[in-house]
Protein backbone atom coordinates (compact mmCIF):
# COMPACT_ATOMS: atom_id res chain seq x y z
CA MET A 1 90.74 72.23 75.35
CA HIS A 2 93.71 70.91 73.47
CA SER A 3 97.12 72.12 74.54
CA GLY A 4 99.12 71.03 71.50
CA SER A 5 100.13 67.98 69.57
CA ALA A 6 100.59 64.62 71.22
CA ARG A 7 104.35 64.79 70.69
CA THR A 8 104.55 68.11 72.57
CA VAL A 9 102.47 66.79 75.46
CA LEU A 10 104.63 63.68 75.81
CA LYS A 11 107.81 65.75 75.65
CA ASN A 12 106.53 68.09 78.39
CA ASN A 13 105.54 65.14 80.56
CA ARG A 14 109.03 63.62 80.19
CA ASN A 15 110.59 66.94 81.12
CA LEU A 16 108.41 67.12 84.24
CA LEU A 17 109.55 63.67 85.32
CA LYS A 18 113.19 64.67 84.94
CA ASN A 19 112.77 67.76 87.15
CA ASN A 20 113.69 66.63 90.67
CA LYS A 21 113.14 70.03 92.25
CA ARG A 22 109.42 70.23 91.56
CA LYS A 23 106.93 69.59 94.33
CA LYS A 24 105.30 66.26 93.77
CA PHE A 25 101.65 65.61 94.61
CA VAL A 26 100.90 69.26 95.29
CA PHE A 27 97.35 69.24 93.96
CA THR A 28 96.19 65.78 95.02
CA SER A 29 92.74 65.63 96.50
CA GLY A 30 92.35 64.71 100.13
CA LYS A 31 95.73 66.04 101.14
CA PRO A 32 95.42 69.00 103.50
CA ASN A 33 97.57 72.01 102.80
CA LYS A 34 100.33 72.41 105.31
CA VAL A 35 99.91 75.71 107.09
CA GLU A 36 102.57 76.79 109.50
CA LYS A 37 101.18 77.45 112.93
CA GLU A 38 101.62 80.92 114.27
CA LYS A 39 104.25 81.09 116.96
CA PHE A 40 103.06 83.10 119.92
CA ASP A 41 105.17 84.40 122.69
CA HIS A 42 103.80 83.17 126.02
CA LEU A 43 104.09 86.64 127.48
CA ILE A 44 101.60 88.01 124.97
CA LEU A 45 99.00 85.36 125.77
CA ASN A 46 97.95 86.75 129.08
CA THR A 47 94.50 87.36 130.46
CA GLU A 48 94.32 90.94 129.17
CA TYR A 49 94.98 89.79 125.63
CA GLN A 50 92.37 87.05 125.95
CA GLN A 51 89.84 89.51 127.34
CA SER A 52 90.44 91.91 124.44
CA ILE A 53 89.86 89.09 121.95
CA LYS A 54 86.71 88.05 123.79
CA LYS A 55 85.32 91.61 123.77
CA ARG A 56 86.08 92.02 120.07
CA LEU A 57 84.36 88.74 119.22
CA LEU A 58 81.32 89.64 121.30
CA LYS A 59 81.02 92.98 119.49
CA GLU A 60 81.32 91.29 116.09
CA ASN A 61 78.70 88.68 117.02
CA LYS A 62 76.35 91.38 118.30
CA LYS A 63 76.70 93.35 115.04
CA ARG A 64 76.05 90.21 113.01
CA PHE A 65 72.97 89.42 115.10
CA TYR A 66 71.53 92.92 114.59
CA LYS A 67 72.15 92.77 110.83
CA ILE A 68 70.37 89.43 110.59
CA LEU A 69 67.51 90.72 112.76
CA VAL A 70 67.03 93.84 110.64
CA LEU A 71 67.12 91.78 107.44
CA PHE A 72 64.55 89.35 108.85
CA ILE A 73 62.24 92.19 109.93
CA ILE A 74 62.46 93.84 106.49
CA LEU A 75 61.71 90.57 104.73
CA PHE A 76 58.86 89.77 107.09
CA VAL A 77 57.25 93.19 106.69
CA SER A 78 57.61 93.09 102.90
CA LEU A 79 56.06 89.61 102.82
CA MET A 80 53.14 90.77 104.97
CA VAL A 81 52.57 93.82 102.73
CA TRP A 82 52.67 91.64 99.63
CA LEU A 83 50.17 89.17 101.18
CA ILE A 84 47.81 92.00 102.13
CA LYS A 85 47.90 93.38 98.58
CA VAL A 86 47.26 89.94 97.08
CA LEU A 87 44.34 89.17 99.35
């Protein structure tokens, strides 16, 4: 892909260097993106809140396990049926 003549590219690069307000090194590899940590109120982080999170995670993990189990059973049965037909 060509984005224009060489003169235009050089002019745009010079203009970028003159712009002091731009964020430098934004897309460099190896630099982690800075994500602001969530600020929690210590009153919210009580045992009831932790228990509710734990219950929710257990339910989600149980659902995921059952989905994987059902998928495995369907694949296994279909493979067995296919092998019986072939033999």
